[in-house]
Each structure stands twice: as C-alpha cells, then as structure tokens.
Amino acid sequence: MPLYTRVEFAKLCGIESGNLSNYIKRGNVVLSGVFVDDSIAVNRQFMQRRAQRLAKVGVPEAVSKHDRVGKPKLTDAQNLVDEKTQADIERIRTVTELNQLKIEKQQGENIPTALVMPLVSQFAHSMIGAFKNGMEAMLVEIGHKKKLSNAEMADLRKVLTAIINKSATDGVEDARKGTANIVNEYIEKRGKGERL
C-alpha cells in the first residue's frame, strides 16, 4: 500500500497539485493522514480513470493556464470565458464521475465504505505505533530489572519487531478477507427494489 505525497500523486495522475486539492474537496480522492493511499478504492479508481484519460488523449491535462508559450495574450473577457469553460468542463467531469460511482454501487462493484477507509487505516497505524512504543518501554524495564546486556536487548528488539511486523501483515490479510466477505454480502443483498 504505497503512500504518495499530494505532489507525487498529482504528477502520477497527470494533473496539477492545485487541481488535486479540488478532487480531494469533492471526495474523488481520499487522504490517509497527509498522504494519498492507493490501496483505498476511491483513490485506485481515480488513478485508473486518469490513466484511461491520459491514454486516450496522449498528453497530460496538467498544462497550467500560465504556460501559454507562443500564444498571444488574452483579454480579460477571453480569460473569463476560458475559466468558465474550464469550470463547466470540470463540473461535467465531476457529475460524470459521481454518476459512474452510483452505477458501480448499484451493480455491486462499489460499496459505500470510502469515507471509513482512511479512518480505519489511521487507526491501524496508530495502534501499531502505540503497541510498539509500549512494548519497547516494557522491554527496557525488563532489561533493567534482569540486568541484560546491550546485545541481549538488541536481540529482544529484533524478536519484538518481527512479531509486530508479522501481526501487522496478518492483520492486513484478515482485513482483506473480511472486506471480500462484506463485498460478497453486499453484492447478494444489493439492488433489492433498485433499478439501474
């Protein structure tokens, strides 16, 4: 689950970081703390849509309005028309993306957990960090009471780190299995009374 800074994620998607802020405000991209996590379904779908658009167009859309090299200066009225047109295009894209997500939800391809995923991710990171700090404090206390050498303490820290890493890996696998079960239940129950 790679985490990207806003600038890295924007560059990866072929957009400006300022535009990424708009996507975040609209809920098209969800932050995990201050980073963008590509394991979150909404972010993964956004990356896929951007890749498809870039493949169709062949060039990134991230060309700043200030990068008009070789073009004559536009009047204020022309600038306003350009900005209005860009805003209209962006609004249409947003509506289209929201409608696509709605269709995917109705077809059982998307479950409405996007808002909870960053919270769960942050909770897991906090729990692992707090547990590691608590175990380190306990290890130091035991080391002082049993008068362990630095080498013995280092060995115990290695074992502790291995246990914590294995627990985190197992936790991620259990969460994936649980998510798959939730998705399957949602697909079975979805759409009762709904029309596409």
Protein backbone atom coordinates (compact mmCIF):
# COMPACT_ATOMS: atom_id res chain seq x y z
CA MET A 1 0.00 0.00 0.00
CA PRO A 2 2.18 2.82 -1.28
CA LEU A 3 1.59 6.23 0.20
CA TYR A 4 2.13 9.27 -2.01
CA THR A 5 2.51 12.93 -1.19
CA ARG A 6 -0.02 15.19 -2.88
CA VAL A 7 2.59 16.36 -5.39
CA GLU A 8 3.65 12.79 -6.25
CA PHE A 9 0.06 11.63 -6.64
CA ALA A 10 -0.86 14.62 -8.81
CA LYS A 11 2.15 14.01 -11.05
CA LEU A 12 1.31 10.31 -11.26
CA CYS A 13 -2.23 11.18 -12.37
CA GLY A 14 -1.09 13.88 -14.83
CA ILE A 15 -2.74 16.79 -13.04
CA GLU A 16 -1.57 19.86 -11.15
CA SER A 17 -1.41 19.66 -7.37
CA GLY A 18 -3.90 22.55 -7.18
CA ASN A 19 -6.40 20.50 -9.16
CA LEU A 20 -5.77 17.57 -6.82
CA SER A 21 -6.95 19.74 -3.92
CA ASN A 22 -10.25 20.22 -5.76
CA TYR A 23 -10.60 16.47 -6.30
CA ILE A 24 -9.94 15.92 -2.57
CA LYS A 25 -12.58 18.51 -1.58
CA ARG A 26 -15.10 16.80 -3.86
CA GLY A 27 -14.36 13.37 -2.40
CA ASN A 28 -12.87 11.99 -5.63
CA VAL A 29 -9.57 11.43 -3.79
CA VAL A 30 -9.37 10.49 -0.10
CA LEU A 31 -6.38 11.28 2.11
CA SER A 32 -4.90 8.91 4.65
CA GLY A 33 -3.49 11.42 7.10
CA VAL A 34 -1.49 13.78 4.89
CA PHE A 35 -0.77 11.14 2.25
CA VAL A 36 -2.73 9.61 -0.60
CA ASP A 37 -3.02 5.83 -0.18
CA ASP A 38 -3.54 3.94 -3.45
CA SER A 39 -4.99 0.93 -1.61
CA ILE A 40 -8.15 2.96 -0.89
CA ALA A 41 -10.76 2.05 -3.53
CA VAL A 42 -11.71 5.64 -4.41
CA ASN A 43 -8.07 6.58 -4.99
CA ARG A 44 -7.38 3.43 -7.00
CA GLN A 45 -10.42 4.14 -9.20
CA PHE A 46 -9.35 7.77 -9.64
CA MET A 47 -5.89 6.63 -10.77
CA GLN A 48 -7.44 4.17 -13.23
CA ARG A 49 -9.75 6.82 -14.70
CA ARG A 50 -6.86 9.27 -15.04
CA ALA A 51 -4.71 6.62 -16.73
CA GLN A 52 -7.52 5.88 -19.18
CA ARG A 53 -7.94 9.58 -19.97
CA LEU A 54 -4.23 10.08 -20.44
CA ALA A 55 -4.10 7.04 -22.71
CA LYS A 56 -6.94 8.43 -24.85
CA VAL A 57 -5.60 11.98 -25.06
CA GLY A 58 -1.94 11.04 -25.22
CA VAL A 59 -0.82 14.10 -23.24
CA PRO A 60 -1.47 15.10 -19.66
CA GLU A 61 -4.14 17.69 -18.99
CA ALA A 62 -1.91 19.34 -16.41
CA VAL A 63 -0.95 22.35 -18.52
CA SER A 64 -1.14 25.50 -16.48
CA LYS A 65 -3.00 28.49 -17.85
CA HIS A 66 0.26 30.35 -17.22
CA ASP A 67 2.12 28.06 -19.65
CA ARG A 68 0.70 29.60 -22.82
CA VAL A 69 4.06 29.79 -24.59
CA GLY A 70 3.90 31.39 -28.02
CA LYS A 71 0.22 32.30 -27.74
CA PRO A 72 -0.97 35.89 -27.80
CA LYS A 73 -2.06 37.47 -24.53
CA LEU A 74 -5.75 37.03 -23.95
CA THR A 75 -8.04 39.81 -22.88
CA ASP A 76 -9.77 39.71 -19.53
CA ALA A 77 -13.04 38.75 -21.21
CA GLN A 78 -11.33 35.89 -23.05
CA ASN A 79 -9.70 34.76 -19.80
CA LEU A 80 -13.10 34.77 -18.08
CA VAL A 81 -14.62 32.73 -20.91
CA ASP A 82 -11.70 30.27 -20.73
CA GLU A 83 -12.05 29.94 -16.96
CA LYS A 84 -15.84 29.50 -17.20
CA THR A 85 -15.39 26.86 -19.89
CA GLN A 86 -12.81 25.03 -17.76
CA ALA A 87 -15.12 25.22 -14.73
CA ASP A 88 -18.01 23.85 -16.81
CA ILE A 89 -15.84 21.00 -18.10
CA GLU A 90 -14.68 20.21 -14.57
CA ARG A 91 -18.30 20.26 -13.31
CA ILE A 92 -19.37 17.89 -16.10
CA ARG A 93 -16.46 15.55 -15.30
CA THR A 94 -17.38 15.55 -11.63
CA VAL A 95 -21.04 14.79 -12.37
CA THR A 96 -20.00 12.03 -14.76
CA GLU A 97 -17.64 10.51 -12.17
CA LEU A 98 -20.33 10.65 -9.49
CA ASN A 99 -22.86 9.01 -11.81
CA GLN A 100 -20.33 6.30 -12.67
CA LEU A 101 -19.74 5.63 -8.95
CA LYS A 102 -23.51 5.48 -8.40
CA ILE A 103 -23.87 2.94 -11.21
CA GLU A 104 -20.97 0.88 -9.83
CA LYS A 105 -22.57 0.96 -6.37
CA GLN A 106 -25.90 -0.22 -7.76
CA GLN A 107 -24.16 -3.01 -9.67
CA GLY A 108 -22.39 -4.13 -6.51
CA GLU A 109 -18.94 -3.11 -7.75
CA ASN A 110 -18.56 -0.38 -5.16
CA ILE A 111 -19.61 -0.48 -1.53
CA PRO A 112 -20.07 2.80 0.38
CA THR A 113 -17.08 2.49 2.70
CA ALA A 114 -14.79 5.08 1.11
CA LEU A 115 -15.22 7.53 3.96
CA VAL A 116 -14.39 4.92 6.62
CA MET A 117 -11.26 3.51 4.95
CA PRO A 118 -8.89 6.39 5.90
CA LEU A 119 -10.15 6.26 9.48
CA VAL A 120 -9.53 2.52 9.72
CA SER A 121 -6.10 2.90 8.15
CA GLN A 122 -5.13 5.71 10.54
CA PHE A 123 -6.46 3.69 13.49
CA ALA A 124 -4.35 0.67 12.48
CA HIS A 125 -1.18 2.76 12.11
CA SER A 126 -1.81 4.42 15.49
CA MET A 127 -2.44 1.08 17.20
CA ILE A 128 0.73 -0.48 15.80
CA GLY A 129 2.78 2.56 16.80
CA ALA A 130 1.32 2.69 20.31
CA PHE A 131 1.79 -1.06 20.79
CA LYS A 132 5.41 -0.88 19.61
CA ASN A 133 6.15 2.03 21.96
CA GLY A 134 4.51 0.22 24.88
CA MET A 135 6.42 -2.99 24.20
CA GLU A 136 9.68 -1.04 23.89
CA ALA A 137 9.06 0.56 27.30
CA MET A 138 8.29 -2.83 28.80
CA LEU A 139 11.41 -4.32 27.20
CA VAL A 140 13.59 -1.55 28.70
CA GLU A 141 12.01 -2.13 32.12
CA ILE A 142 12.66 -5.88 31.94
CA GLY A 143 16.20 -5.23 30.72
CA HIS A 144 16.94 -3.02 33.73
CA LYS A 145 15.43 -5.46 36.23
CA LYS A 146 17.19 -8.50 34.75
CA LYS A 147 20.39 -6.54 34.02
CA LEU A 148 20.51 -7.60 30.37
CA SER A 149 23.44 -6.55 28.18
CA ASN A 150 23.05 -4.27 25.16
CA ALA A 151 23.48 -7.26 22.83
CA GLU A 152 20.71 -9.18 24.63
CA MET A 153 18.44 -6.11 24.44
CA ALA A 154 19.16 -5.76 20.71
CA ASP A 155 18.24 -9.44 20.17
CA LEU A 156 14.98 -8.97 22.07
CA ARG A 157 14.20 -5.85 20.00
CA LYS A 158 14.71 -7.85 16.79
CA VAL A 159 12.29 -10.53 18.01
CA LEU A 160 9.78 -7.87 19.08
CA THR A 161 9.99 -6.10 15.70
CA ALA A 162 9.49 -9.41 13.85
CA ILE A 163 6.43 -10.22 15.96
CA ILE A 164 4.90 -6.77 15.39
CA ASN A 165 5.56 -6.91 11.63
CA LYS A 166 4.03 -10.39 11.39
CA SER A 167 1.00 -9.21 13.36
CA ALA A 168 0.57 -6.22 11.02
CA THR A 169 0.85 -8.44 7.93
CA ASP A 170 -1.65 -10.93 9.37
CA GLY A 171 -3.98 -8.05 10.26
CA VAL A 172 -3.89 -6.71 6.70
CA GLU A 173 -4.65 -10.18 5.31
CA ASP A 174 -7.55 -10.65 7.75
CA ALA A 175 -8.90 -7.21 6.80
CA ARG A 176 -8.75 -8.11 3.10
CA LYS A 177 -10.62 -11.36 3.72
CA GLY A 178 -13.19 -9.52 5.83
CA THR A 179 -13.60 -6.89 3.10
CA ALA A 180 -14.11 -9.61 0.50
CA ASN A 181 -16.82 -11.14 2.70
CA ILE A 182 -18.52 -7.75 3.11
CA VAL A 183 -18.40 -7.17 -0.65
CA ASN A 184 -19.91 -10.60 -1.33
CA GLU A 185 -22.70 -9.98 1.18
CA TYR A 186 -23.33 -6.55 -0.33
CA ILE A 187 -23.50 -7.98 -3.85
CA GLU A 188 -26.01 -10.63 -2.71
CA LYS A 189 -28.23 -8.11 -0.89
CA ARG A 190 -27.77 -5.10 -3.19
CA GLY A 191 -30.34 -3.83 -5.51
CA LYS A 192 -33.44 -5.24 -3.91
CA GLY A 193 -36.00 -2.76 -5.19
CA GLU A 194 -33.38 -0.67 -7.01
CA ARG A 195 -33.47 -0.08 -10.71
CA LEU A 196 -30.47 0.66 -12.89
